[in-house]
Structures are given as structure tokens and as C-alpha cells.
Amino acid sequence: MLVCALNPCPCGYYSDFKKSCHCTPIKIANYMSKISGPLLDRIDFHIEIPAVGYKEISSEENSESSSEIKKRVENARDIQRKRFSKNTLFTNSQMPHKLIKKYCAIDQDAKELLKIAVNELGFSARAHDKILKVARTIADLSNYKNILTDHISEAIQYRGLDRKY
């Protein structure tokens, strides 16, 4: 597993709501172009995380607990273990294209959404398959047998750097 982080621009404030970015569009493009496209294409999630303010840090609002999240993850892993019991795979991320076709079937609306994402946002074939695998995992986490259009939509949102620069 690879987890990495980067600033959105050389000064670090591009898209920040409280501080102004002083970088030019060319400077930002040059900064982002240092990330190899083929390397970026192999990363499943590209998520922009805004700065967290005091209100969010100090909030006492109830959210899903770690133990609840752990249960959902364990359930999803169980689903995947059963799905791949006759293979040498353990998780959705390991599926080759042949198994993606088998386990990531989607309805016509979801296909249309994925087609638009690939054509309009310029996603690669590898990104297409990663979107399907991530959508399958999202469905598993929600305990859905089928991948819904909402799952595809959410998975597309996790490909932020593919379409941004």
C-alpha cells in the first residue's frame, strides 16, 4: 500500500478558502507536471483534503465511530474473501480485467456515467478499471450486491488529479 501527499501548488494555498495562493497557473501546472502521469494512473485514490478549521477539530457532533467503521470494513473484506475463494486474490484491488468484467457489472445508467467520465475527463483504460474496482469496494462497504450509479459516481470523484491539471 502506498499513501502519499502533496501540496496543490508550490506555496501550498491553491484552493484554500482562507489564504490566497500567489502562484501563477503556469507555475501550478509546472509543479503538478512533476508527477509522472503513468505513476499517478496507478494510484487508486486522488483526494483533495481541505484544511481543517477549529470548528471541525473541536466539534462534539457524533459521527461514525472507529469501531463501526471497523465492522463495515471487516464485513466488506469478508464479502471479498468469499467472492475470491476460488482464486488467489483477496481484495477487489487485485482483480485483473477478466474478473472486473465478471464482478463489476453495472447497469446502463452507470455505464453511461462511466463513458462520460472516460470521454470527457480523459480517463485512461487503467483509470476506467480502477473506478470499477473502487465502486465494487464502495458497494461492498455498503453491503450492496450490485454496483449502483451512486457507487460509480463516488469512485469517479476519487480520481481528482486525473482531470484537474
C-alpha atoms as a PDB file:
ATOM      1  CA  MET A   1       0.000   0.000   0.000  1.00  0.00           C
ATOM      2  CA  LEU A   2       1.244   3.433  -0.907  1.00  0.00           C
ATOM      3  CA  VAL A   3      -0.055   6.561   0.812  1.00  0.00           C
ATOM      4  CA  CYS A   4       1.371   9.890  -0.211  1.00  0.00           C
ATOM      5  CA  ALA A   5       0.576  13.569  -0.002  1.00  0.00           C
ATOM      6  CA  LEU A   6       1.487  16.709  -1.893  1.00  0.00           C
ATOM      7  CA  ASN A   7       0.705  20.386  -1.803  1.00  0.00           C
ATOM      8  CA  PRO A   8      -1.667  21.635  -4.505  1.00  0.00           C
ATOM      9  CA  CYS A   9       0.919  24.203  -5.656  1.00  0.00           C
ATOM     10  CA  PRO A  10       4.404  25.463  -4.692  1.00  0.00           C
ATOM     11  CA  CYS A  11       3.088  27.841  -1.982  1.00  0.00           C
ATOM     12  CA  GLY A  12       0.542  25.286  -0.726  1.00  0.00           C
ATOM     13  CA  TYR A  13      -2.538  27.529  -0.772  1.00  0.00           C
ATOM     14  CA  TYR A  14      -4.175  26.797  -4.134  1.00  0.00           C
ATOM     15  CA  SER A  15      -7.898  26.129  -3.422  1.00  0.00           C
ATOM     16  CA  ASP A  16      -7.516  27.198   0.234  1.00  0.00           C
ATOM     17  CA  PHE A  17     -10.539  29.164   1.439  1.00  0.00           C
ATOM     18  CA  LYS A  18      -8.665  31.268   3.991  1.00  0.00           C
ATOM     19  CA  LYS A  19      -5.293  32.029   2.438  1.00  0.00           C
ATOM     20  CA  SER A  20      -4.567  33.264  -1.051  1.00  0.00           C
ATOM     21  CA  CYS A  21      -2.398  31.362  -3.466  1.00  0.00           C
ATOM     22  CA  HIS A  22       0.286  33.519  -5.082  1.00  0.00           C
ATOM     23  CA  CYS A  23       1.228  31.001  -7.776  1.00  0.00           C
ATOM     24  CA  THR A  24       0.527  31.603 -11.442  1.00  0.00           C
ATOM     25  CA  PRO A  25      -1.410  28.983 -13.418  1.00  0.00           C
ATOM     26  CA  ILE A  26       1.796  28.158 -15.309  1.00  0.00           C
ATOM     27  CA  LYS A  27       3.721  27.706 -12.047  1.00  0.00           C
ATOM     28  CA  ILE A  28       0.968  25.373 -10.738  1.00  0.00           C
ATOM     29  CA  ALA A  29       0.910  23.388 -13.990  1.00  0.00           C
ATOM     30  CA  ASN A  30       4.712  23.033 -13.914  1.00  0.00           C
ATOM     31  CA  TYR A  31       4.599  21.947 -10.270  1.00  0.00           C
ATOM     32  CA  MET A  32       1.938  19.316 -10.939  1.00  0.00           C
ATOM     33  CA  SER A  33       3.658  18.101 -14.108  1.00  0.00           C
ATOM     34  CA  LYS A  34       6.479  16.790 -11.926  1.00  0.00           C
ATOM     35  CA  ILE A  35       4.183  13.902 -11.004  1.00  0.00           C
ATOM     36  CA  SER A  36       4.564  11.177 -13.595  1.00  0.00           C
ATOM     37  CA  GLY A  37       1.262  10.520 -15.394  1.00  0.00           C
ATOM     38  CA  PRO A  38       1.830   6.753 -15.529  1.00  0.00           C
ATOM     39  CA  LEU A  39       2.638   6.717 -11.796  1.00  0.00           C
ATOM     40  CA  LEU A  40      -0.434   8.802 -10.978  1.00  0.00           C
ATOM     41  CA  ASP A  41      -2.554   6.475 -13.122  1.00  0.00           C
ATOM     42  CA  ARG A  42      -1.581   3.571 -10.851  1.00  0.00           C
ATOM     43  CA  ILE A  43      -2.802   5.284  -7.667  1.00  0.00           C
ATOM     44  CA  ASP A  44      -6.395   4.334  -6.832  1.00  0.00           C
ATOM     45  CA  PHE A  45      -7.461   7.462  -4.933  1.00  0.00           C
ATOM     46  CA  HIS A  46      -6.581  11.115  -5.505  1.00  0.00           C
ATOM     47  CA  ILE A  47      -8.432  13.085  -2.873  1.00  0.00           C
ATOM     48  CA  GLU A  48      -8.147  16.772  -2.143  1.00  0.00           C
ATOM     49  CA  ILE A  49      -8.460  17.370   1.575  1.00  0.00           C
ATOM     50  CA  PRO A  50      -9.072  20.967   2.633  1.00  0.00           C
ATOM     51  CA  ALA A  51      -7.508  22.430   5.750  1.00  0.00           C
ATOM     52  CA  VAL A  52      -9.473  21.594   8.887  1.00  0.00           C
ATOM     53  CA  GLY A  53     -10.605  24.537  10.965  1.00  0.00           C
ATOM     54  CA  TYR A  54     -11.011  24.808  14.708  1.00  0.00           C
ATOM     55  CA  LYS A  55     -14.777  24.307  14.490  1.00  0.00           C
ATOM     56  CA  GLU A  56     -14.324  20.873  12.888  1.00  0.00           C
ATOM     57  CA  ILE A  57     -11.476  19.858  15.190  1.00  0.00           C
ATOM     58  CA  SER A  58     -13.347  20.784  18.351  1.00  0.00           C
ATOM     59  CA  SER A  59     -16.793  19.599  17.259  1.00  0.00           C
ATOM     60  CA  GLU A  60     -18.585  17.255  19.613  1.00  0.00           C
ATOM     61  CA  GLU A  61     -21.014  16.202  16.904  1.00  0.00           C
ATOM     62  CA  ASN A  62     -21.449  12.458  16.759  1.00  0.00           C
ATOM     63  CA  SER A  63     -20.057  10.721  13.738  1.00  0.00           C
ATOM     64  CA  GLU A  64     -19.478   7.122  12.849  1.00  0.00           C
ATOM     65  CA  SER A  65     -17.188   5.583  15.464  1.00  0.00           C
ATOM     66  CA  SER A  66     -13.964   3.775  14.633  1.00  0.00           C
ATOM     67  CA  SER A  67     -15.482   0.504  15.850  1.00  0.00           C
ATOM     68  CA  GLU A  68     -18.463   0.964  13.487  1.00  0.00           C
ATOM     69  CA  ILE A  69     -16.148   1.694  10.581  1.00  0.00           C
ATOM     70  CA  LYS A  70     -14.026  -1.332  11.516  1.00  0.00           C
ATOM     71  CA  LYS A  71     -17.130  -3.553  11.383  1.00  0.00           C
ATOM     72  CA  ARG A  72     -18.042  -2.256   7.914  1.00  0.00           C
ATOM     73  CA  VAL A  73     -14.501  -2.825   6.660  1.00  0.00           C
ATOM     74  CA  GLU A  74     -14.361  -6.336   8.148  1.00  0.00           C
ATOM     75  CA  ASN A  75     -17.722  -7.132   6.538  1.00  0.00           C
ATOM     76  CA  ALA A  76     -16.503  -5.841   3.159  1.00  0.00           C
ATOM     77  CA  ARG A  77     -13.293  -7.885   3.471  1.00  0.00           C
ATOM     78  CA  ASP A  78     -15.422 -10.938   4.299  1.00  0.00           C
ATOM     79  CA  ILE A  79     -17.513 -10.359   1.174  1.00  0.00           C
ATOM     80  CA  GLN A  80     -14.333 -10.125  -0.894  1.00  0.00           C
ATOM     81  CA  ARG A  81     -12.810 -13.207   0.733  1.00  0.00           C
ATOM     82  CA  LYS A  82     -15.904 -15.208  -0.243  1.00  0.00           C
ATOM     83  CA  ARG A  83     -16.010 -13.664  -3.725  1.00  0.00           C
ATOM     84  CA  PHE A  84     -12.420 -14.708  -4.428  1.00  0.00           C
ATOM     85  CA  SER A  85     -12.387 -18.002  -2.513  1.00  0.00           C
ATOM     86  CA  LYS A  86     -11.716 -19.937  -5.722  1.00  0.00           C
ATOM     87  CA  ASN A  87      -8.946 -17.544  -6.819  1.00  0.00           C
ATOM     88  CA  THR A  88      -5.635 -16.480  -5.390  1.00  0.00           C
ATOM     89  CA  LEU A  89      -6.970 -12.961  -4.819  1.00  0.00           C
ATOM     90  CA  PHE A  90      -8.002 -11.392  -1.547  1.00  0.00           C
ATOM     91  CA  THR A  91      -9.308  -7.929  -2.445  1.00  0.00           C
ATOM     92  CA  ASN A  92     -11.089  -6.085  -5.233  1.00  0.00           C
ATOM     93  CA  SER A  93      -7.953  -4.086  -5.967  1.00  0.00           C
ATOM     94  CA  GLN A  94      -6.217  -7.255  -7.166  1.00  0.00           C
ATOM     95  CA  MET A  95      -8.810  -8.107  -9.843  1.00  0.00           C
ATOM     96  CA  PRO A  96      -7.486  -8.476 -13.375  1.00  0.00           C
ATOM     97  CA  HIS A  97      -9.636  -7.180 -16.253  1.00  0.00           C
ATOM     98  CA  LYS A  98     -11.314 -10.561 -16.781  1.00  0.00           C
ATOM     99  CA  LEU A  99     -12.644 -10.634 -13.194  1.00  0.00           C
ATOM    100  CA  ILE A 100     -13.606  -6.963 -13.342  1.00  0.00           C
ATOM    101  CA  LYS A 101     -15.988  -7.891 -16.159  1.00  0.00           C
ATOM    102  CA  LYS A 102     -17.405 -10.674 -14.003  1.00  0.00           C
ATOM    103  CA  TYR A 103     -17.726  -8.947 -10.625  1.00  0.00           C
ATOM    104  CA  CYS A 104     -18.159  -5.302 -11.604  1.00  0.00           C
ATOM    105  CA  ALA A 105     -21.141  -5.492 -13.918  1.00  0.00           C
ATOM    106  CA  ILE A 106     -23.090  -2.237 -13.991  1.00  0.00           C
ATOM    107  CA  ASP A 107     -26.448  -1.148 -15.388  1.00  0.00           C
ATOM    108  CA  GLN A 108     -26.906   1.096 -18.423  1.00  0.00           C
ATOM    109  CA  ASP A 109     -27.114   4.352 -16.416  1.00  0.00           C
ATOM    110  CA  ALA A 110     -23.847   3.574 -14.635  1.00  0.00           C
ATOM    111  CA  LYS A 111     -22.234   2.617 -17.962  1.00  0.00           C
ATOM    112  CA  GLU A 112     -23.311   5.949 -19.429  1.00  0.00           C
ATOM    113  CA  LEU A 113     -21.849   7.852 -16.479  1.00  0.00           C
ATOM    114  CA  LEU A 114     -18.557   5.942 -16.759  1.00  0.00           C
ATOM    115  CA  LYS A 115     -18.482   6.543 -20.519  1.00  0.00           C
ATOM    116  CA  ILE A 116     -18.874  10.294 -19.957  1.00  0.00           C
ATOM    117  CA  ALA A 117     -16.097  10.245 -17.357  1.00  0.00           C
ATOM    118  CA  VAL A 118     -13.721   8.414 -19.679  1.00  0.00           C
ATOM    119  CA  ASN A 119     -14.534  10.540 -22.740  1.00  0.00           C
ATOM    120  CA  GLU A 120     -14.994  13.972 -21.179  1.00  0.00           C
ATOM    121  CA  LEU A 121     -12.433  13.795 -18.377  1.00  0.00           C
ATOM    122  CA  GLY A 122      -9.853  11.883 -20.399  1.00  0.00           C
ATOM    123  CA  PHE A 123      -9.525   8.893 -18.099  1.00  0.00           C
ATOM    124  CA  SER A 124      -7.259   6.079 -19.254  1.00  0.00           C
ATOM    125  CA  ALA A 125      -8.231   2.414 -19.580  1.00  0.00           C
ATOM    126  CA  ARG A 126      -6.383   1.789 -16.312  1.00  0.00           C
ATOM    127  CA  ALA A 127      -8.399   4.558 -14.580  1.00  0.00           C
ATOM    128  CA  HIS A 128     -11.601   3.023 -16.008  1.00  0.00           C
ATOM    129  CA  ASP A 129     -10.801  -0.316 -14.391  1.00  0.00           C
ATOM    130  CA  LYS A 130      -9.754   1.332 -11.112  1.00  0.00           C
ATOM    131  CA  ILE A 131     -13.063   3.211 -10.983  1.00  0.00           C
ATOM    132  CA  LEU A 132     -14.924  -0.095 -11.355  1.00  0.00           C
ATOM    133  CA  LYS A 133     -12.840  -1.770  -8.630  1.00  0.00           C
ATOM    134  CA  VAL A 134     -13.289   1.145  -6.245  1.00  0.00           C
ATOM    135  CA  ALA A 135     -17.029   1.236  -6.993  1.00  0.00           C
ATOM    136  CA  ARG A 136     -17.181  -2.503  -6.227  1.00  0.00           C
ATOM    137  CA  THR A 137     -15.498  -1.812  -2.873  1.00  0.00           C
ATOM    138  CA  ILE A 138     -17.870   1.073  -2.119  1.00  0.00           C
ATOM    139  CA  ALA A 139     -20.793  -1.273  -2.823  1.00  0.00           C
ATOM    140  CA  ASP A 140     -19.238  -3.923  -0.565  1.00  0.00           C
ATOM    141  CA  LEU A 141     -18.787  -1.394   2.248  1.00  0.00           C
ATOM    142  CA  SER A 142     -22.488  -0.537   1.952  1.00  0.00           C
ATOM    143  CA  ASN A 143     -23.374  -4.252   1.720  1.00  0.00           C
ATOM    144  CA  TYR A 144     -24.850  -3.927  -1.777  1.00  0.00           C
ATOM    145  CA  LYS A 145     -24.688  -6.904  -4.101  1.00  0.00           C
ATOM    146  CA  ASN A 146     -24.809  -4.715  -7.215  1.00  0.00           C
ATOM    147  CA  ILE A 147     -22.788  -1.645  -8.087  1.00  0.00           C
ATOM    148  CA  LEU A 148     -25.103   1.360  -8.317  1.00  0.00           C
ATOM    149  CA  THR A 149     -24.689   4.565 -10.301  1.00  0.00           C
ATOM    150  CA  ASP A 150     -24.007   6.347  -6.985  1.00  0.00           C
ATOM    151  CA  HIS A 151     -21.064   3.999  -6.367  1.00  0.00           C
ATOM    152  CA  ILE A 152     -19.631   4.784  -9.816  1.00  0.00           C
ATOM    153  CA  SER A 153     -20.147   8.497  -9.197  1.00  0.00           C
ATOM    154  CA  GLU A 154     -18.326   8.348  -5.871  1.00  0.00           C
ATOM    155  CA  ALA A 155     -15.453   6.347  -7.377  1.00  0.00           C
ATOM    156  CA  ILE A 156     -15.082   8.924 -10.165  1.00  0.00           C
ATOM    157  CA  GLN A 157     -14.743  11.641  -7.523  1.00  0.00           C
ATOM    158  CA  TYR A 158     -11.661   9.856  -6.185  1.00  0.00           C
ATOM    159  CA  ARG A 159      -9.801  10.450  -9.477  1.00  0.00           C
ATOM    160  CA  GLY A 160      -9.297  14.187  -8.885  1.00  0.00           C
ATOM    161  CA  LEU A 161      -5.765  14.554 -10.215  1.00  0.00           C
ATOM    162  CA  ASP A 162      -6.612  12.763 -13.466  1.00  0.00           C
ATOM    163  CA  ARG A 163      -8.827  15.638 -14.535  1.00  0.00           C
ATOM    164  CA  LYS A 164      -7.501  18.683 -12.751  1.00  0.00           C
ATOM    165  CA  TYR A 165      -4.214  19.609 -14.355  1.00  0.00           C
END
